[in-house]
Amino acid sequence: MAIRNPSRRLKIRLALVLALAIVAAVAAWRMDGADQQPRCTNDRREERDSSGKVVRIVRTACLD
């Protein structure tokens, strides 16, 4: 017999295809937001009234 164990070859081939599909899906997922601005930026903003006095200071802190 020339083909000793076709089921083993099939399993290896399926494993390779599955691994390649997973790598491609993760790469596409990670590259999806590469061109967008970050959703959160550390920021400090001062709100002033009409006379120019600082009324409120708003701080934004991002958790990574």
N, C-alpha and C. Protein backbone atom coordinates (compact mmCIF):
# COMPACT_ATOMS: atom_id res chain seq x y z
N MET A 1 0.83 -1.19 0.00
CA MET A 1 0.00 0.00 0.00
C MET A 1 0.87 1.25 0.00
N ALA A 2 0.55 2.15 -0.86
CA ALA A 2 1.32 3.38 -0.96
C ALA A 2 0.90 4.39 0.11
N ILE A 3 -0.39 4.47 0.38
CA ILE A 3 -0.90 5.41 1.38
C ILE A 3 -1.05 4.64 2.69
N ARG A 4 -0.20 4.97 3.66
CA ARG A 4 -0.20 4.23 4.91
C ARG A 4 -1.33 4.67 5.83
N ASN A 5 -1.47 5.97 6.05
CA ASN A 5 -2.47 6.44 6.99
C ASN A 5 -3.06 7.76 6.49
N PRO A 6 -4.05 7.69 5.63
CA PRO A 6 -4.59 8.93 5.06
C PRO A 6 -5.30 9.80 6.10
N SER A 7 -5.81 9.22 7.15
CA SER A 7 -6.50 10.03 8.15
C SER A 7 -5.52 10.92 8.91
N ARG A 8 -4.28 10.45 9.10
CA ARG A 8 -3.28 11.27 9.79
C ARG A 8 -2.91 12.48 8.94
N ARG A 9 -2.72 12.27 7.65
CA ARG A 9 -2.41 13.38 6.74
C ARG A 9 -3.56 14.38 6.70
N LEU A 10 -4.76 13.88 6.70
CA LEU A 10 -5.92 14.75 6.68
C LEU A 10 -5.99 15.60 7.95
N LYS A 11 -5.70 14.99 9.09
CA LYS A 11 -5.71 15.72 10.36
C LYS A 11 -4.64 16.81 10.38
N ILE A 12 -3.46 16.48 9.86
CA ILE A 12 -2.38 17.47 9.82
C ILE A 12 -2.75 18.62 8.89
N ARG A 13 -3.30 18.31 7.75
CA ARG A 13 -3.71 19.34 6.79
C ARG A 13 -4.80 20.23 7.39
N LEU A 14 -5.78 19.63 8.04
CA LEU A 14 -6.84 20.41 8.67
C LEU A 14 -6.30 21.29 9.80
N ALA A 15 -5.36 20.76 10.57
CA ALA A 15 -4.76 21.55 11.65
C ALA A 15 -4.00 22.75 11.10
N LEU A 16 -3.27 22.56 10.01
CA LEU A 16 -2.55 23.67 9.40
C LEU A 16 -3.49 24.73 8.84
N VAL A 17 -4.55 24.31 8.19
CA VAL A 17 -5.53 25.26 7.64
C VAL A 17 -6.22 26.01 8.77
N LEU A 18 -6.57 25.32 9.83
CA LEU A 18 -7.22 25.96 10.97
C LEU A 18 -6.28 26.96 11.64
N ALA A 19 -5.02 26.60 11.81
CA ALA A 19 -4.04 27.51 12.41
C ALA A 19 -3.85 28.76 11.56
N LEU A 20 -3.78 28.58 10.25
CA LEU A 20 -3.63 29.71 9.34
C LEU A 20 -4.85 30.62 9.40
N ALA A 21 -6.04 30.04 9.47
CA ALA A 21 -7.26 30.83 9.56
C ALA A 21 -7.31 31.62 10.87
N ILE A 22 -6.87 31.02 11.95
CA ILE A 22 -6.85 31.73 13.24
C ILE A 22 -5.86 32.88 13.21
N VAL A 23 -4.68 32.66 12.66
CA VAL A 23 -3.68 33.72 12.56
C VAL A 23 -4.20 34.86 11.69
N ALA A 24 -4.84 34.55 10.58
CA ALA A 24 -5.39 35.59 9.71
C ALA A 24 -6.51 36.36 10.39
N ALA A 25 -7.35 35.69 11.15
CA ALA A 25 -8.45 36.36 11.85
C ALA A 25 -7.92 37.30 12.93
N VAL A 26 -6.92 36.85 13.67
CA VAL A 26 -6.34 37.70 14.73
C VAL A 26 -5.64 38.90 14.11
N ALA A 27 -4.92 38.70 13.02
CA ALA A 27 -4.23 39.81 12.36
C ALA A 27 -5.24 40.83 11.82
N ALA A 28 -6.32 40.37 11.23
CA ALA A 28 -7.34 41.28 10.72
C ALA A 28 -8.02 42.03 11.86
N TRP A 29 -8.25 41.35 12.96
CA TRP A 29 -8.89 41.98 14.12
C TRP A 29 -7.99 43.05 14.72
N ARG A 30 -6.68 42.77 14.81
CA ARG A 30 -5.75 43.73 15.39
C ARG A 30 -5.52 44.92 14.47
N MET A 31 -5.57 44.74 13.17
CA MET A 31 -5.32 45.81 12.22
C MET A 31 -6.56 46.63 11.91
N ASP A 32 -7.70 46.23 12.42
CA ASP A 32 -8.96 46.89 12.09
C ASP A 32 -8.96 48.35 12.51
N GLY A 33 -8.49 48.68 13.68
CA GLY A 33 -8.54 50.05 14.17
C GLY A 33 -7.23 50.80 14.04
N ALA A 34 -6.35 50.36 13.17
CA ALA A 34 -5.03 50.98 13.06
C ALA A 34 -5.11 52.41 12.53
N ASP A 35 -6.07 52.72 11.68
CA ASP A 35 -6.15 54.05 11.10
C ASP A 35 -7.08 54.98 11.88
N GLN A 36 -7.71 54.51 12.94
CA GLN A 36 -8.62 55.33 13.72
C GLN A 36 -7.87 55.98 14.87
N GLN A 37 -8.46 57.06 15.40
CA GLN A 37 -7.88 57.70 16.57
C GLN A 37 -8.10 56.81 17.79
N PRO A 38 -7.26 56.93 18.79
CA PRO A 38 -7.49 56.16 20.00
C PRO A 38 -8.79 56.59 20.67
N ARG A 39 -9.48 55.65 21.27
CA ARG A 39 -10.78 55.94 21.86
C ARG A 39 -10.66 56.82 23.10
N CYS A 40 -9.58 56.69 23.81
CA CYS A 40 -9.42 57.44 25.05
C CYS A 40 -8.03 58.06 25.08
N THR A 41 -7.97 59.33 25.51
CA THR A 41 -6.69 60.00 25.69
C THR A 41 -6.68 60.65 27.06
N ASN A 42 -5.54 60.59 27.72
CA ASN A 42 -5.41 61.29 28.99
C ASN A 42 -5.51 62.78 28.71
N ASP A 43 -6.38 63.47 29.45
CA ASP A 43 -6.68 64.84 29.10
C ASP A 43 -6.98 65.65 30.36
N ARG A 44 -6.74 66.94 30.29
CA ARG A 44 -7.12 67.89 31.33
C ARG A 44 -7.74 69.08 30.62
N ARG A 45 -8.99 69.36 30.94
CA ARG A 45 -9.72 70.42 30.26
C ARG A 45 -10.27 71.39 31.30
N GLU A 46 -10.12 72.68 31.03
CA GLU A 46 -10.63 73.71 31.93
C GLU A 46 -11.87 74.33 31.31
N GLU A 47 -12.95 74.40 32.08
CA GLU A 47 -14.16 75.07 31.63
C GLU A 47 -14.22 76.44 32.27
N ARG A 48 -14.44 77.45 31.45
CA ARG A 48 -14.45 78.83 31.94
C ARG A 48 -15.82 79.45 31.72
N ASP A 49 -16.15 80.41 32.57
CA ASP A 49 -17.41 81.14 32.40
C ASP A 49 -17.18 82.30 31.44
N SER A 50 -18.18 83.14 31.25
CA SER A 50 -18.09 84.23 30.27
C SER A 50 -17.04 85.27 30.65
N SER A 51 -16.73 85.42 31.94
CA SER A 51 -15.73 86.40 32.36
C SER A 51 -14.31 85.85 32.27
N GLY A 52 -14.14 84.57 32.05
CA GLY A 52 -12.82 83.97 31.88
C GLY A 52 -12.31 83.24 33.09
N LYS A 53 -13.09 83.20 34.17
CA LYS A 53 -12.66 82.48 35.37
C LYS A 53 -12.86 80.98 35.17
N VAL A 54 -11.95 80.22 35.74
CA VAL A 54 -12.05 78.77 35.67
C VAL A 54 -13.15 78.31 36.60
N VAL A 55 -14.16 77.66 36.03
CA VAL A 55 -15.30 77.19 36.81
C VAL A 55 -15.10 75.73 37.21
N ARG A 56 -14.59 74.94 36.29
CA ARG A 56 -14.46 73.51 36.54
C ARG A 56 -13.28 72.96 35.76
N ILE A 57 -12.56 72.02 36.36
CA ILE A 57 -11.47 71.33 35.69
C ILE A 57 -11.88 69.87 35.54
N VAL A 58 -11.87 69.39 34.31
CA VAL A 58 -12.27 68.02 34.02
C VAL A 58 -11.03 67.24 33.61
N ARG A 59 -10.78 66.13 34.30
CA ARG A 59 -9.64 65.26 33.97
C ARG A 59 -10.16 63.93 33.45
N THR A 60 -9.51 63.43 32.43
CA THR A 60 -9.84 62.13 31.88
C THR A 60 -8.63 61.23 32.02
N ALA A 61 -8.82 60.08 32.63
CA ALA A 61 -7.74 59.10 32.77
C ALA A 61 -8.17 57.80 32.09
N CYS A 62 -7.28 57.26 31.29
CA CYS A 62 -7.58 56.04 30.55
C CYS A 62 -6.96 54.84 31.25
N LEU A 63 -7.68 53.75 31.27
CA LEU A 63 -7.17 52.50 31.82
C LEU A 63 -6.75 51.60 30.68
N ASP A 64 -5.51 51.17 30.70
CA ASP A 64 -5.02 50.31 29.62
C ASP A 64 -4.98 48.88 30.05
